[in-house]
Protein backbone atom coordinates (compact mmCIF):
# COMPACT_ATOMS: atom_id res chain seq x y z
CA MET A 1 -17.86 15.67 6.75
CA LYS A 2 -14.90 16.29 4.45
CA SER A 3 -13.82 19.76 3.48
CA THR A 4 -14.12 20.84 -0.15
CA GLU A 5 -10.34 20.66 -0.53
CA GLN A 6 -10.17 17.10 0.85
CA THR A 7 -13.02 15.99 -1.39
CA ARG A 8 -11.44 17.59 -4.46
CA LEU A 9 -8.04 16.04 -3.75
CA GLY A 10 -9.55 12.65 -3.00
CA ARG A 11 -11.77 12.74 -6.08
CA ASP A 12 -8.88 13.76 -8.34
CA PHE A 13 -6.74 10.96 -6.93
CA TRP A 14 -9.36 8.28 -7.57
CA VAL A 15 -10.27 9.60 -11.00
CA ASP A 16 -6.60 9.52 -11.99
CA TYR A 17 -6.19 5.97 -10.66
CA GLY A 18 -9.12 4.05 -12.00
CA GLY A 19 -12.21 6.22 -12.23
CA GLU A 20 -15.07 7.26 -10.01
CA GLY A 21 -16.09 5.05 -7.11
CA MET A 22 -12.75 3.33 -6.57
CA ASP A 23 -12.28 4.69 -3.04
CA GLY A 24 -10.78 2.13 -0.66
CA ARG A 25 -11.13 -0.72 -3.15
CA ALA A 26 -8.16 0.54 -5.15
CA LEU A 27 -5.95 0.60 -2.07
CA LEU A 28 -7.08 -2.90 -1.12
CA LEU A 29 -6.41 -4.17 -4.65
CA VAL A 30 -2.92 -2.65 -4.64
CA ALA A 31 -2.23 -4.14 -1.19
CA ILE A 32 -3.39 -7.62 -2.20
CA GLY A 33 -1.56 -7.45 -5.51
CA GLY A 34 1.55 -6.07 -3.82
CA ALA A 35 1.62 -8.96 -1.39
CA LEU A 36 1.25 -11.49 -4.21
CA GLY A 37 3.87 -9.75 -6.34
CA ALA A 38 6.36 -9.56 -3.48
CA VAL A 39 5.98 -13.27 -2.77
CA ALA A 40 6.33 -14.08 -6.48
CA ARG A 41 9.46 -11.95 -6.63
CA TYR A 42 11.00 -13.65 -3.59
CA LEU A 43 10.23 -17.13 -4.92
CA THR A 44 11.59 -16.25 -8.36
CA THR A 45 14.88 -14.93 -6.98
CA THR A 46 15.32 -18.02 -4.83
CA ILE A 47 14.47 -20.44 -7.65
CA LEU A 48 16.52 -18.88 -10.47
CA PRO A 49 20.03 -20.39 -10.38
CA ILE A 50 21.75 -17.21 -11.56
CA ASP A 51 23.50 -14.20 -10.04
CA SER A 52 21.25 -11.63 -8.44
CA HIS A 53 21.64 -8.92 -11.06
CA TRP A 54 20.66 -11.28 -13.86
CA SER A 55 17.63 -12.54 -11.94
CA THR A 56 16.63 -8.89 -11.39
CA LEU A 57 17.00 -8.29 -15.13
CA ALA A 58 14.88 -11.36 -15.95
CA ILE A 59 12.20 -10.26 -13.49
CA ASN A 60 12.12 -6.67 -14.75
CA LEU A 61 12.02 -7.70 -18.42
CA THR A 62 9.28 -10.26 -17.76
CA GLY A 63 7.34 -7.62 -15.82
CA SER A 64 7.72 -5.14 -18.69
CA LEU A 65 6.33 -7.64 -21.19
CA LEU A 66 3.45 -8.58 -18.89
CA LEU A 67 2.59 -4.95 -18.16
CA GLY A 68 2.47 -4.23 -21.88
CA ILE A 69 0.11 -7.17 -22.36
CA ILE A 70 -2.07 -6.22 -19.41
CA ALA A 71 -2.21 -2.43 -19.77
CA GLY A 72 -2.11 -2.09 -23.53
CA GLY A 73 -3.70 -5.22 -24.83
CA LEU A 74 -6.14 -6.48 -22.23
CA HIS A 75 -7.14 -3.20 -20.57
CA GLY A 76 -6.93 -1.23 -23.79
CA SER A 77 -9.35 -3.64 -25.48
CA GLY A 78 -11.74 -3.60 -22.53
CA MET A 79 -11.11 -7.25 -21.64
CA ILE A 80 -10.13 -6.38 -18.08
CA SER A 81 -11.56 -3.72 -15.81
CA ASP A 82 -9.84 -0.74 -14.20
CA GLU A 83 -9.88 -2.69 -10.95
CA MET A 84 -8.09 -5.65 -12.54
CA LEU A 85 -5.51 -3.31 -14.07
CA ILE A 86 -4.85 -1.85 -10.61
CA LEU A 87 -4.54 -5.34 -9.06
CA LEU A 88 -2.34 -6.81 -11.78
CA GLY A 89 -0.37 -3.76 -12.93
CA THR A 90 0.13 -1.53 -9.92
CA GLY A 91 -0.16 -4.28 -7.31
CA ILE A 92 1.36 -7.52 -8.54
CA LEU A 93 3.76 -6.23 -11.20
CA GLY A 94 4.63 -3.14 -9.16
CA ALA A 95 5.87 -5.38 -6.37
CA PHE A 96 7.32 -8.05 -8.67
CA THR A 97 9.55 -5.67 -10.63
CA THR A 98 11.89 -3.22 -8.97
CA MET A 99 13.93 -0.17 -9.81
CA SER A 100 15.66 -0.08 -6.44
CA THR A 101 17.16 -3.56 -6.76
CA PHE A 102 18.22 -2.78 -10.32
CA SER A 103 19.96 0.39 -9.10
CA LEU A 104 21.71 -1.39 -6.23
CA ASP A 105 22.83 -4.26 -8.47
CA LEU A 106 24.26 -1.73 -10.94
CA VAL A 107 26.12 0.13 -8.17
CA LYS A 108 27.59 -3.18 -6.94
CA LEU A 109 28.81 -4.06 -10.43
CA ILE A 110 30.43 -0.64 -10.78
CA ASP A 111 31.97 -0.90 -7.31
CA GLU A 112 33.45 -4.28 -8.29
CA ALA A 113 34.81 -2.71 -11.53
CA GLN A 114 32.74 -5.10 -13.65
CA TRP A 115 32.39 -2.41 -16.31
CA ILE A 116 31.29 -4.54 -19.25
CA THR A 117 28.68 -6.36 -17.19
CA ALA A 118 27.47 -3.05 -15.72
CA ILE A 119 27.08 -1.51 -19.18
CA LEU A 120 25.29 -4.61 -20.53
CA TYR A 121 23.00 -4.69 -17.49
CA LEU A 122 22.15 -0.99 -17.74
CA GLY A 123 21.67 -1.08 -21.50
CA SER A 124 19.59 -4.23 -21.57
CA THR A 125 17.30 -2.99 -18.81
CA ALA A 126 16.86 0.47 -20.34
CA LEU A 127 16.40 -0.72 -23.93
CA ILE A 128 14.92 -4.20 -23.81
CA GLY A 129 12.38 -3.48 -21.04
CA PRO A 130 10.48 -0.80 -22.99
CA ILE A 131 10.77 -2.82 -26.20
CA LEU A 132 9.18 -5.84 -24.48
CA ALA A 133 6.42 -3.64 -23.05
CA LEU A 134 5.71 -2.35 -26.56
CA ILE A 135 5.76 -5.86 -28.02
CA GLY A 136 3.34 -7.09 -25.34
CA TRP A 137 1.06 -4.10 -25.89
CA LYS A 138 1.00 -4.30 -29.71
CA CYS A 139 0.83 -8.09 -30.03
CA THR A 140 -2.01 -8.40 -27.55
CA SER A 141 -3.86 -5.50 -29.20
CA MET A 142 -3.50 -7.14 -32.62
CA ILE A 143 -4.63 -10.53 -31.33
CA LEU A 144 -7.67 -9.03 -29.62
CA ALA A 145 -8.59 -6.64 -32.45
CA PRO A 146 -11.96 -7.37 -34.07
C-alpha cells in the first residue's frame, strides 16, 4: 500500500497532466508518441535537402503551429481528449521538436562566426514559433466555434 505522501504526489502529478485516472496510460501514451515523433523527426531531417539548422527551424516552427492547433483548437474545443493531447502534444510533438538541437545549432553558427545567420536563426525561432502557435490556436478555435 502506498504512503499518504506517495499517493498525494502521484495524484497531483496525474491531475496536472491529464486528470484523474490517467495513471500508467499517460506514460504509455507519451512513450508511444515519443517513439513516433522521434522517427518522424529523423525522417524529416534526412529528407529535407537543407542545412541542419534550417531543418531544425522548419521542424520547430511546424511543431509550434501543430501544437497550437492541437492544444488550443482541438483540445480547447473538446474535439480531442486529454489522452489524445498527451499522445499528440507531449509525445509526438515533444519528440519531433527540440530545444537542444536548436541550441547546439546556434552555438555552431556562433562558433563559425556566422553572426547574421545566428541572429536570424535565433530571432526566427523565438518570434515566429510562438506566433505560429498562436495562429494555429486561434484559427482552429475560430473554425470550430459554434
